[in-house]
Amino acid sequence: MKTAYDPEVDALYVSLSDRPSVESEEISPGVVFDFDDDHRLVGIELLNARTRLATDALVAAE
């Protein structure tokens, strides 16, 4: 599992697999799940991350 935070757009991405994402679904406002071609979850994107997570978590992900 890998995390990456982009402070310019305030988005955190959690990569759960090295498999490529072929489909995305916004499961709730600002939370997007990415799926591979077998519909397995491969990543999670959190938009407006500063309002959802502690600053420590975002700094660690940069």
N, C-alpha and C. Protein backbone atom coordinates (compact mmCIF):
# COMPACT_ATOMS: atom_id res chain seq x y z
N MET A 1 0.84 -1.16 0.00
CA MET A 1 0.00 0.00 0.00
C MET A 1 0.89 1.24 0.00
N LYS A 2 0.53 2.20 -0.85
CA LYS A 2 1.28 3.45 -0.95
C LYS A 2 0.30 4.60 -0.83
N THR A 3 0.79 5.71 -0.29
CA THR A 3 -0.03 6.91 -0.22
C THR A 3 0.70 8.07 -0.87
N ALA A 4 -0.07 8.98 -1.44
CA ALA A 4 0.49 10.19 -2.04
C ALA A 4 -0.48 11.33 -1.80
N TYR A 5 0.07 12.47 -1.37
CA TYR A 5 -0.76 13.64 -1.12
C TYR A 5 -0.31 14.76 -2.04
N ASP A 6 -1.26 15.39 -2.71
CA ASP A 6 -0.98 16.53 -3.57
C ASP A 6 -1.59 17.77 -2.92
N PRO A 7 -0.75 18.60 -2.28
CA PRO A 7 -1.29 19.76 -1.57
C PRO A 7 -1.90 20.82 -2.50
N GLU A 8 -1.47 20.86 -3.75
CA GLU A 8 -2.01 21.85 -4.68
C GLU A 8 -3.50 21.64 -4.94
N VAL A 9 -3.92 20.38 -4.99
CA VAL A 9 -5.35 20.09 -5.22
C VAL A 9 -6.01 19.49 -3.97
N ASP A 10 -5.23 19.37 -2.88
CA ASP A 10 -5.72 18.84 -1.61
C ASP A 10 -6.38 17.47 -1.78
N ALA A 11 -5.63 16.56 -2.42
CA ALA A 11 -6.14 15.22 -2.67
C ALA A 11 -5.13 14.18 -2.16
N LEU A 12 -5.65 13.17 -1.49
CA LEU A 12 -4.84 12.06 -1.01
C LEU A 12 -5.23 10.82 -1.81
N TYR A 13 -4.22 10.09 -2.29
CA TYR A 13 -4.49 8.85 -3.01
C TYR A 13 -3.84 7.70 -2.25
N VAL A 14 -4.62 6.66 -2.01
CA VAL A 14 -4.13 5.44 -1.37
C VAL A 14 -4.16 4.34 -2.42
N SER A 15 -2.98 3.89 -2.81
CA SER A 15 -2.87 2.83 -3.80
C SER A 15 -2.81 1.49 -3.08
N LEU A 16 -3.73 0.61 -3.42
CA LEU A 16 -3.83 -0.69 -2.76
C LEU A 16 -3.23 -1.82 -3.59
N SER A 17 -2.90 -1.52 -4.85
CA SER A 17 -2.41 -2.55 -5.77
C SER A 17 -1.62 -1.88 -6.88
N ASP A 18 -0.76 -2.65 -7.53
CA ASP A 18 -0.03 -2.15 -8.69
C ASP A 18 -0.85 -2.32 -9.97
N ARG A 19 -1.98 -2.97 -9.88
CA ARG A 19 -2.83 -3.18 -11.06
C ARG A 19 -3.41 -1.85 -11.51
N PRO A 20 -3.55 -1.64 -12.81
CA PRO A 20 -4.10 -0.37 -13.30
C PRO A 20 -5.60 -0.23 -13.03
N SER A 21 -5.99 0.99 -12.79
CA SER A 21 -7.40 1.31 -12.61
C SER A 21 -8.06 1.47 -13.97
N VAL A 22 -9.22 0.85 -14.13
CA VAL A 22 -9.96 0.98 -15.39
C VAL A 22 -11.33 1.60 -15.18
N GLU A 23 -11.73 1.74 -13.92
CA GLU A 23 -13.05 2.30 -13.62
C GLU A 23 -13.00 3.00 -12.27
N SER A 24 -13.68 4.13 -12.17
CA SER A 24 -13.76 4.87 -10.92
C SER A 24 -15.22 5.10 -10.56
N GLU A 25 -15.47 5.11 -9.25
CA GLU A 25 -16.83 5.35 -8.78
C GLU A 25 -16.77 6.25 -7.55
N GLU A 26 -17.48 7.37 -7.60
CA GLU A 26 -17.55 8.25 -6.44
C GLU A 26 -18.60 7.67 -5.49
N ILE A 27 -18.12 7.11 -4.38
CA ILE A 27 -19.04 6.42 -3.47
C ILE A 27 -19.73 7.37 -2.50
N SER A 28 -19.13 8.51 -2.29
CA SER A 28 -19.75 9.60 -1.53
C SER A 28 -19.03 10.87 -1.97
N PRO A 29 -19.58 12.04 -1.69
CA PRO A 29 -18.93 13.27 -2.16
C PRO A 29 -17.47 13.35 -1.73
N GLY A 30 -16.58 13.42 -2.70
CA GLY A 30 -15.16 13.55 -2.43
C GLY A 30 -14.43 12.27 -2.11
N VAL A 31 -15.08 11.12 -2.24
CA VAL A 31 -14.43 9.83 -2.01
C VAL A 31 -14.63 8.97 -3.25
N VAL A 32 -13.51 8.65 -3.91
CA VAL A 32 -13.56 7.93 -5.17
C VAL A 32 -12.82 6.61 -5.04
N PHE A 33 -13.49 5.53 -5.40
CA PHE A 33 -12.87 4.21 -5.43
C PHE A 33 -12.46 3.90 -6.87
N ASP A 34 -11.25 3.37 -7.04
CA ASP A 34 -10.76 2.93 -8.35
C ASP A 34 -10.73 1.40 -8.37
N PHE A 35 -11.19 0.84 -9.49
CA PHE A 35 -11.27 -0.61 -9.65
C PHE A 35 -10.47 -1.07 -10.86
N ASP A 36 -9.97 -2.31 -10.79
CA ASP A 36 -9.28 -2.90 -11.93
C ASP A 36 -10.29 -3.57 -12.85
N ASP A 37 -9.80 -4.26 -13.87
CA ASP A 37 -10.70 -4.87 -14.85
C ASP A 37 -11.49 -6.07 -14.30
N ASP A 38 -11.10 -6.57 -13.11
CA ASP A 38 -11.87 -7.63 -12.44
C ASP A 38 -12.78 -7.05 -11.35
N HIS A 39 -12.93 -5.74 -11.35
CA HIS A 39 -13.73 -4.99 -10.39
C HIS A 39 -13.23 -5.15 -8.95
N ARG A 40 -11.90 -5.29 -8.82
CA ARG A 40 -11.28 -5.31 -7.50
C ARG A 40 -10.81 -3.90 -7.16
N LEU A 41 -10.95 -3.52 -5.92
CA LEU A 41 -10.53 -2.20 -5.47
C LEU A 41 -9.01 -2.08 -5.52
N VAL A 42 -8.51 -1.07 -6.26
CA VAL A 42 -7.07 -0.89 -6.37
C VAL A 42 -6.60 0.45 -5.82
N GLY A 43 -7.53 1.36 -5.54
CA GLY A 43 -7.13 2.65 -5.00
C GLY A 43 -8.30 3.45 -4.47
N ILE A 44 -7.97 4.39 -3.59
CA ILE A 44 -8.98 5.27 -2.99
C ILE A 44 -8.45 6.69 -3.06
N GLU A 45 -9.26 7.60 -3.56
CA GLU A 45 -8.89 9.01 -3.61
C GLU A 45 -9.81 9.79 -2.69
N LEU A 46 -9.20 10.63 -1.85
CA LEU A 46 -9.96 11.51 -0.96
C LEU A 46 -9.72 12.95 -1.41
N LEU A 47 -10.77 13.60 -1.84
CA LEU A 47 -10.70 15.01 -2.22
C LEU A 47 -10.97 15.85 -0.98
N ASN A 48 -10.47 17.09 -0.98
CA ASN A 48 -10.59 17.95 0.21
C ASN A 48 -10.03 17.24 1.44
N ALA A 49 -8.85 16.67 1.27
CA ALA A 49 -8.25 15.82 2.30
C ALA A 49 -8.02 16.56 3.62
N ARG A 50 -7.69 17.85 3.56
CA ARG A 50 -7.43 18.60 4.80
C ARG A 50 -8.64 18.65 5.72
N THR A 51 -9.83 18.56 5.16
CA THR A 51 -11.03 18.60 6.01
C THR A 51 -11.40 17.21 6.52
N ARG A 52 -10.75 16.17 6.00
CA ARG A 52 -11.11 14.79 6.37
C ARG A 52 -10.08 14.10 7.25
N LEU A 53 -8.81 14.55 7.18
CA LEU A 53 -7.73 13.84 7.87
C LEU A 53 -6.90 14.79 8.72
N ALA A 54 -6.22 14.23 9.70
CA ALA A 54 -5.30 15.01 10.52
C ALA A 54 -4.11 15.44 9.68
N THR A 55 -3.57 16.60 9.99
CA THR A 55 -2.43 17.14 9.25
C THR A 55 -1.25 16.17 9.26
N ASP A 56 -1.04 15.47 10.37
CA ASP A 56 0.08 14.51 10.47
C ASP A 56 0.01 13.46 9.37
N ALA A 57 -1.18 12.97 9.09
CA ALA A 57 -1.35 11.94 8.07
C ALA A 57 -1.02 12.48 6.69
N LEU A 58 -1.38 13.72 6.42
CA LEU A 58 -1.11 14.31 5.11
C LEU A 58 0.38 14.57 4.92
N VAL A 59 1.05 15.06 5.95
CA VAL A 59 2.48 15.32 5.86
C VAL A 59 3.23 14.01 5.63
N ALA A 60 2.84 12.95 6.30
CA ALA A 60 3.49 11.64 6.13
C ALA A 60 3.30 11.10 4.72
N ALA A 61 2.21 11.47 4.07
CA ALA A 61 1.91 10.95 2.73
C ALA A 61 2.59 11.73 1.62
N GLU A 62 3.12 12.92 1.93
CA GLU A 62 3.75 13.74 0.87
C GLU A 62 5.04 13.12 0.39
